[in-house]
């Protein structure tokens, strides 16, 4: 951890300032030491360059989540042959869908190289590495410290990419940052791993600068014809304590608006920067798939949807189809600047 990070962080328990003590430096960074709160006297360790900014109560509640990730990776045999290059060639190594979702996020960010970015739910930090290589100041936050698939892997990724970002172990529901610190808060397939993602969005709103942007890519949502608890029951990760939300698309959008975000925009890959004719073509293809898939009492209603869509503007028609079909969300929003008081 670089000492410059201390000016951005605070005690997650009382929001007090933190003071560095017993520091051991390595390669111009803080490798070991403690961060002590001047207000409540809580102490947070720094181990292998990663500060552990999580309250004692939160550690208890997050333990099953952290252990669950390691357990599921073990079940999938990912530790048997992880390969020394894991994380170096992401997102390409994860496949074309992950690559295109991340490319959409990069296109939307249009990075100039002077942005301060919070990568929330960063995993091993591969996305943080991409941002840092573009000149941005990046902090990667996660709760999993695994040396292969968690934050512990970030050092190898940084060395390979010849770049730098700061990994921090912290709870997304209680971010240990002072207000108005970041230009962008970024989620990549991580927002749906929080049980109360509205609370996480509140935290993101708090730490964003006025005019800062929220960008969440790769967030799954389900059809309105399904119940979330039924979908969750089919997901293997939930059996080992991992939180796997499957909200409706409007729940993401509503939560962002409720916490204060403006200019809340939604898309999937097939609608992002597409012309009306391209979106209507996708709607037709999607409806054919939906009609084949629906076998329930809702089938007659589904057959009427294409006729209803023809009466709507293309964006509204696409939104309606997404509510019916489900998909993978690309969400963007802006923290509005403070309103100026009128003179007189």
Protein backbone atom coordinates (compact mmCIF):
# COMPACT_ATOMS: atom_id res chain seq x y z
CA UNK A 1 0.00 0.00 0.00
CA UNK A 2 1.23 3.45 -0.86
CA UNK A 3 1.23 6.07 1.90
CA UNK A 4 -0.84 8.37 -0.34
CA UNK A 5 -3.79 6.01 0.14
CA UNK A 6 -4.01 6.95 3.83
CA UNK A 7 -5.44 10.36 2.88
CA UNK A 8 -8.42 8.61 1.24
CA UNK A 9 -9.31 6.01 3.86
CA UNK A 10 -11.01 6.17 7.24
CA UNK A 11 -12.01 3.87 10.08
CA UNK A 12 -14.91 1.64 8.96
CA UNK A 13 -16.26 1.61 12.51
CA UNK A 14 -16.48 5.34 13.33
CA UNK A 15 -15.22 7.15 10.16
CA UNK A 16 -12.29 8.57 12.13
CA UNK A 17 -8.86 9.30 10.68
CA UNK A 18 -6.27 6.53 10.57
CA UNK A 19 -2.64 6.83 11.62
CA UNK A 20 0.10 4.50 10.39
CA UNK A 21 2.10 2.70 13.09
CA UNK A 22 4.82 0.05 13.18
CA UNK A 23 5.28 0.26 9.42
CA UNK A 24 7.66 -1.96 7.48
CA UNK A 25 8.40 -0.65 4.00
CA UNK A 26 9.29 -2.68 0.94
CA UNK A 27 9.92 -1.30 -2.55
CA UNK A 28 8.56 2.15 -1.62
CA UNK A 29 5.33 0.72 -0.20
CA UNK A 30 3.95 -0.19 3.21
CA UNK A 31 4.27 -3.97 3.38
CA UNK A 32 3.49 -4.60 7.08
CA UNK A 33 2.12 -2.44 9.88
CA UNK A 34 -1.03 -1.19 11.57
CA UNK A 35 -3.53 1.57 10.95
CA UNK A 36 -4.88 3.02 14.19
CA UNK A 37 -8.05 5.12 14.48
CA UNK A 38 -7.48 8.33 16.43
CA UNK A 39 -11.15 8.45 17.44
CA UNK A 40 -12.22 4.93 18.54
CA UNK A 41 -8.70 3.46 18.81
CA UNK A 42 -9.56 0.49 16.55
CA UNK A 43 -6.51 -1.09 14.92
CA UNK A 44 -6.44 -2.50 11.39
CA UNK A 45 -3.46 -4.58 10.24
CA UNK A 46 -1.55 -4.32 6.98
CA UNK A 47 -0.36 -7.73 5.81
CA UNK A 48 1.67 -8.32 2.64
CA UNK A 49 0.86 -4.81 1.50
CA UNK A 50 -2.92 -5.18 1.91
CA UNK A 51 -4.74 -3.21 4.64
CA UNK A 52 -7.57 -5.12 6.32
CA UNK A 53 -10.17 -2.38 6.76
CA UNK A 54 -13.05 -4.51 8.05
CA UNK A 55 -14.70 -4.22 11.47
CA UNK A 56 -14.58 -7.16 13.84
CA UNK A 57 -18.35 -7.73 13.54
CA UNK A 58 -18.16 -7.66 9.76
CA UNK A 59 -15.39 -10.28 9.75
CA UNK A 60 -17.75 -12.68 11.48
CA UNK A 61 -20.61 -12.14 9.04
CA UNK A 62 -18.34 -12.23 5.96
CA UNK A 63 -16.44 -15.35 6.98
CA UNK A 64 -18.83 -17.77 5.29
CA UNK A 65 -18.70 -15.73 2.09
CA UNK A 66 -14.90 -15.74 2.03
CA UNK A 67 -14.67 -19.45 2.79
CA UNK A 68 -17.43 -20.16 0.26
CA UNK A 69 -15.40 -18.76 -2.61
CA UNK A 70 -12.41 -20.92 -1.77
CA UNK A 71 -14.69 -23.93 -1.38
CA UNK A 72 -16.34 -23.49 -4.77
CA UNK A 73 -12.95 -23.04 -6.47
CA UNK A 74 -11.80 -26.27 -4.84
CA UNK A 75 -14.95 -28.08 -6.01
CA UNK A 76 -14.34 -26.92 -9.56
CA UNK A 77 -10.75 -28.16 -9.43
CA UNK A 78 -9.33 -24.70 -10.05
CA UNK A 79 -6.48 -25.23 -7.58
CA UNK A 80 -5.26 -28.39 -9.29
CA UNK A 81 -3.78 -26.63 -12.32
CA UNK A 82 -4.22 -22.88 -11.77
CA UNK A 83 -1.30 -21.96 -14.02
CA UNK A 84 1.27 -19.32 -13.06
CA UNK A 85 -0.24 -16.93 -15.60
CA UNK A 86 -3.76 -16.79 -14.07
CA UNK A 87 -5.15 -13.29 -14.34
CA UNK A 88 -2.45 -12.09 -16.73
CA UNK A 89 -4.57 -12.45 -19.88
CA UNK A 90 -7.97 -11.50 -18.52
CA UNK A 91 -10.62 -10.86 -19.70
CA UNK A 92 -9.77 -12.73 -22.92
CA UNK A 93 -9.08 -15.95 -21.02
CA UNK A 94 -12.63 -15.90 -19.61
CA UNK A 95 -14.22 -16.00 -23.05
CA UNK A 96 -15.85 -13.66 -25.58
CA UNK A 97 -18.84 -12.66 -23.42
CA UNK A 98 -16.69 -11.41 -20.55
CA UNK A 99 -14.39 -9.67 -23.03
CA UNK A 100 -17.17 -7.78 -24.76
CA UNK A 101 -18.75 -6.76 -21.44
CA UNK A 102 -15.45 -5.34 -20.26
CA UNK A 103 -14.84 -3.65 -23.61
CA UNK A 104 -18.23 -1.94 -23.26
CA UNK A 105 -17.17 -0.62 -19.87
CA UNK A 106 -13.86 0.69 -21.25
CA UNK A 107 -15.68 2.38 -24.12
CA UNK A 108 -18.10 4.01 -21.71
CA UNK A 109 -15.32 5.19 -19.38
CA UNK A 110 -13.33 6.83 -22.18
CA UNK A 111 -10.39 7.07 -19.79
CA UNK A 112 -8.06 10.05 -20.10
CA UNK A 113 -5.48 8.71 -17.64
CA UNK A 114 -6.15 11.12 -14.77
CA UNK A 115 -9.15 9.35 -13.22
CA UNK A 116 -9.31 7.90 -9.72
CA UNK A 117 -11.14 4.57 -9.86
CA UNK A 118 -12.56 2.25 -7.19
CA UNK A 119 -12.79 -1.33 -8.50
CA UNK A 120 -15.34 -2.82 -6.11
CA UNK A 121 -15.47 -6.61 -5.94
CA UNK A 122 -12.19 -6.67 -7.82
CA UNK A 123 -11.25 -10.31 -7.29
CA UNK A 124 -7.59 -10.69 -8.23
CA UNK A 125 -7.53 -7.17 -9.66
CA UNK A 126 -7.22 -7.85 -13.38
CA UNK A 127 -9.60 -5.00 -14.27
CA UNK A 128 -7.67 -2.68 -11.96
CA UNK A 129 -4.55 -3.57 -13.89
CA UNK A 130 -6.17 -2.47 -17.17
CA UNK A 131 -7.16 0.89 -15.65
CA UNK A 132 -3.74 1.43 -14.08
CA UNK A 133 -1.99 0.75 -17.39
CA UNK A 134 -4.02 3.62 -18.82
CA UNK A 135 -2.56 5.96 -16.20
CA UNK A 136 -5.41 5.93 -13.69
CA UNK A 137 -5.05 5.83 -9.91
CA UNK A 138 -6.85 2.65 -8.88
CA UNK A 139 -7.91 1.01 -5.62
CA UNK A 140 -9.07 -2.63 -5.82
CA UNK A 141 -11.44 -3.76 -3.05
CA UNK A 142 -12.50 -7.31 -2.24
CA UNK A 143 -12.97 -9.53 0.81
CA UNK A 144 -11.30 -12.66 -0.59
CA UNK A 145 -7.55 -12.69 0.04
CA UNK A 146 -6.70 -15.94 -1.75
CA UNK A 147 -3.20 -15.92 -3.29
CA UNK A 148 -4.38 -17.42 -6.59
CA UNK A 149 -7.90 -16.13 -7.25
CA UNK A 150 -8.28 -13.34 -4.68
CA UNK A 151 -6.55 -10.08 -3.80
CA UNK A 152 -3.36 -11.94 -2.93
CA UNK A 153 -2.91 -12.51 -6.66
CA UNK A 154 -2.82 -8.79 -7.38
CA UNK A 155 0.93 -8.50 -6.77
CA UNK A 156 1.74 -11.03 -9.50
CA UNK A 157 -0.68 -9.29 -11.87
CA UNK A 158 0.91 -5.92 -11.19
CA UNK A 159 4.42 -7.29 -11.71
CA UNK A 160 3.44 -8.93 -14.99
CA UNK A 161 1.73 -5.78 -16.29
CA UNK A 162 4.49 -3.51 -14.96
CA UNK A 163 1.92 -1.27 -13.31
CA UNK A 164 0.53 -0.43 -9.88
CA UNK A 165 -2.79 -0.31 -8.07
CA UNK A 166 -3.64 -0.55 -4.39
CA UNK A 167 -5.46 -3.67 -3.11
CA UNK A 168 -7.58 -3.22 0.03
CA UNK A 169 -9.59 -5.82 1.94
CA UNK A 170 -12.88 -4.12 2.77
CA UNK A 171 -16.63 -4.67 2.95
CA UNK A 172 -18.53 -3.08 0.05
CA UNK A 173 -21.47 -2.48 2.37
CA UNK A 174 -19.27 -0.33 4.62
CA UNK A 175 -16.55 1.25 2.51
CA UNK A 176 -13.62 2.70 4.53
CA UNK A 177 -13.19 5.77 2.36
CA UNK A 178 -13.78 9.45 2.95
CA UNK A 179 -16.54 11.06 0.88
CA UNK A 180 -15.96 12.40 -2.63
CA UNK A 181 -12.76 10.46 -3.43
CA UNK A 182 -13.37 8.72 -6.77
CA UNK A 183 -14.22 9.68 -10.34
CA UNK A 184 -15.53 6.19 -11.12
CA UNK A 185 -16.86 3.31 -9.03
CA UNK A 186 -16.71 0.14 -11.10
CA UNK A 187 -18.42 -3.21 -10.65
CA UNK A 188 -17.74 -6.14 -12.94
CA UNK A 189 -20.14 -8.96 -12.15
CA UNK A 190 -19.87 -8.16 -8.45
CA UNK A 191 -22.90 -6.02 -7.53
CA UNK A 192 -25.22 -9.05 -7.52
CA UNK A 193 -23.01 -10.70 -4.88
CA UNK A 194 -24.30 -8.29 -2.23
CA UNK A 195 -27.51 -9.21 -0.46
CA UNK A 196 -28.50 -5.56 -0.06
CA UNK A 197 -27.09 -4.02 -3.22
CA UNK A 198 -28.99 -0.78 -2.58
CA UNK A 199 -26.81 -0.29 0.51
CA UNK A 200 -23.72 -0.90 -1.60
CA UNK A 201 -24.91 1.67 -4.14
CA UNK A 202 -25.37 4.13 -1.27
CA UNK A 203 -21.73 3.55 -0.34
CA UNK A 204 -20.66 4.03 -3.95
CA UNK A 205 -22.63 7.27 -4.11
CA UNK A 206 -20.95 8.54 -0.95
CA UNK A 207 -17.37 7.95 -2.11
CA UNK A 208 -17.90 9.30 -5.64
CA UNK A 209 -17.00 12.88 -6.39
CA UNK A 210 -19.85 15.13 -7.57
CA UNK A 211 -20.16 14.35 -11.26
CA UNK A 212 -18.53 10.95 -10.70
CA UNK A 213 -19.79 7.88 -12.50
CA UNK A 214 -21.11 4.48 -11.49
CA UNK A 215 -20.44 1.73 -14.04
CA UNK A 216 -21.64 -1.83 -13.44
CA UNK A 217 -21.16 -4.43 -16.17
CA UNK A 218 -22.02 -8.12 -16.24
CA UNK A 219 -24.84 -8.06 -13.67
CA UNK A 220 -27.41 -10.85 -14.21
CA UNK A 221 -31.16 -10.22 -14.01
CA UNK A 222 -34.08 -12.59 -14.45
CA UNK A 223 -37.41 -12.64 -16.23
CA UNK A 224 -40.45 -11.30 -14.43
CA UNK A 225 -42.00 -14.73 -15.00
CA UNK A 226 -39.55 -16.27 -12.50
CA UNK A 227 -39.10 -15.89 -8.75
CA UNK A 228 -35.66 -15.01 -7.49
CA UNK A 229 -35.62 -17.62 -4.73
CA UNK A 230 -36.41 -20.35 -7.25
CA UNK A 231 -33.51 -19.26 -9.47
CA UNK A 232 -31.16 -19.00 -6.50
CA UNK A 233 -31.97 -22.57 -5.52
CA UNK A 234 -30.42 -23.78 -8.79
CA UNK A 235 -27.10 -21.94 -8.30
CA UNK A 236 -24.28 -24.07 -6.89
CA UNK A 237 -22.54 -21.13 -5.20
CA UNK A 238 -25.44 -20.58 -2.79
CA UNK A 239 -24.84 -24.01 -1.25
CA UNK A 240 -21.44 -22.93 0.11
CA UNK A 241 -22.48 -19.59 1.58
CA UNK A 242 -21.88 -17.29 -1.40
CA UNK A 243 -24.44 -14.55 -1.98
CA UNK A 244 -25.95 -14.85 -5.46
CA UNK A 245 -28.73 -12.35 -6.11
CA UNK A 246 -30.82 -12.58 -9.27
CA UNK A 247 -32.92 -9.40 -9.23
CA UNK A 248 -35.22 -8.05 -11.92
CA UNK A 249 -33.79 -5.35 -14.14
CA UNK A 250 -36.02 -2.68 -12.63
CA UNK A 251 -34.70 -3.46 -9.14
CA UNK A 252 -31.18 -2.41 -10.16
CA UNK A 253 -32.46 0.75 -11.83
CA UNK A 254 -34.80 1.68 -8.98
CA UNK A 255 -32.09 1.18 -6.34
CA UNK A 256 -29.69 3.45 -8.22
CA UNK A 257 -32.31 6.19 -8.48
CA UNK A 258 -33.38 5.84 -4.85
CA UNK A 259 -29.87 6.51 -3.53
CA UNK A 260 -29.64 9.69 -5.60
CA UNK A 261 -27.99 8.75 -8.90
CA UNK A 262 -29.10 10.63 -12.00
CA UNK A 263 -28.95 9.81 -15.69
CA UNK A 264 -29.39 6.13 -14.88
CA UNK A 265 -28.95 4.19 -18.11
CA UNK A 266 -29.33 0.49 -18.85
CA UNK A 267 -28.25 -1.70 -21.74
CA UNK A 268 -27.23 -5.18 -22.74
CA UNK A 269 -24.67 -5.95 -25.43
CA UNK A 270 -27.36 -6.13 -28.13
CA UNK A 271 -28.72 -2.64 -27.38
CA UNK A 272 -25.58 -0.70 -26.48
CA UNK A 273 -24.91 1.99 -29.10
CA UNK A 274 -27.26 0.26 -31.53
CA UNK A 275 -29.55 1.93 -34.05
CA UNK A 276 -33.35 1.58 -33.76
CA UNK A 277 -33.41 -0.88 -36.68
CA UNK A 278 -30.75 -3.06 -35.01
CA UNK A 279 -32.62 -3.05 -31.70
CA UNK A 280 -35.94 -3.97 -33.37
CA UNK A 281 -34.15 -6.81 -35.17
CA UNK A 282 -32.83 -8.06 -31.84
CA UNK A 283 -36.34 -7.79 -30.33
CA UNK A 284 -37.73 -10.01 -33.09
CA UNK A 285 -35.01 -12.62 -32.54
CA UNK A 286 -35.46 -12.49 -28.76
CA UNK A 287 -39.21 -12.94 -29.00
CA UNK A 288 -38.84 -16.03 -31.15
CA UNK A 289 -36.61 -17.55 -28.48
CA UNK A 290 -39.01 -16.56 -25.72
CA UNK A 291 -42.00 -18.10 -27.48
CA UNK A 292 -40.13 -21.40 -27.83
CA UNK A 293 -38.99 -21.36 -24.20
CA UNK A 294 -42.18 -20.40 -22.37
CA UNK A 295 -44.24 -23.48 -21.45
CA UNK A 296 -46.28 -22.03 -18.60
CA UNK A 297 -49.70 -20.43 -18.30
CA UNK A 298 -48.13 -17.18 -19.47
CA UNK A 299 -47.61 -18.56 -23.01
CA UNK A 300 -50.67 -16.79 -24.55
CA UNK A 301 -49.50 -13.48 -23.09
CA UNK A 302 -46.00 -13.95 -24.52
CA UNK A 303 -47.43 -14.38 -28.02
CA UNK A 304 -49.00 -10.91 -27.74
CA UNK A 305 -45.77 -9.15 -26.70
CA UNK A 306 -44.37 -8.57 -30.24
CA UNK A 307 -47.54 -6.75 -31.27
CA UNK A 308 -47.39 -4.62 -28.12
CA UNK A 309 -43.71 -3.80 -28.76
CA UNK A 310 -44.49 -2.38 -32.18
CA UNK A 311 -46.48 0.38 -30.47
CA UNK A 312 -43.54 1.50 -28.30
CA UNK A 313 -40.39 3.56 -29.00
CA UNK A 314 -37.47 1.20 -29.55
CA UNK A 315 -35.84 1.81 -26.14
CA UNK A 316 -39.08 1.14 -24.28
CA UNK A 317 -39.73 -1.92 -26.42
CA UNK A 318 -36.25 -3.24 -25.63
CA UNK A 319 -36.74 -2.62 -21.91
CA UNK A 320 -40.05 -4.47 -21.98
CA UNK A 321 -38.44 -7.46 -23.69
CA UNK A 322 -35.60 -7.50 -21.15
CA UNK A 323 -38.14 -7.60 -18.32
CA UNK A 324 -39.67 -10.64 -19.98
CA UNK A 325 -36.46 -12.33 -21.10
CA UNK A 326 -33.81 -11.52 -18.46
CA UNK A 327 -30.17 -11.01 -19.39
CA UNK A 328 -26.89 -9.44 -18.33
CA UNK A 329 -27.06 -5.77 -17.42
CA UNK A 330 -24.75 -2.89 -18.27
CA UNK A 331 -25.71 -0.09 -15.85
CA UNK A 332 -24.39 3.48 -15.79
CA UNK A 333 -25.29 6.43 -13.60
CA UNK A 334 -23.93 9.79 -12.44
CA UNK A 335 -23.67 11.40 -9.02
CA UNK A 336 -25.09 14.87 -9.63
CA UNK A 337 -23.07 17.95 -8.68
CA UNK A 338 -24.45 19.98 -5.76
CA UNK A 339 -27.14 22.41 -6.74
CA UNK A 340 -26.19 26.03 -6.56
CA UNK A 341 -28.39 28.22 -4.39
CA UNK A 342 -30.10 31.01 -6.23
CA UNK A 343 -28.91 34.46 -5.28
CA UNK A 344 -31.47 36.60 -3.54
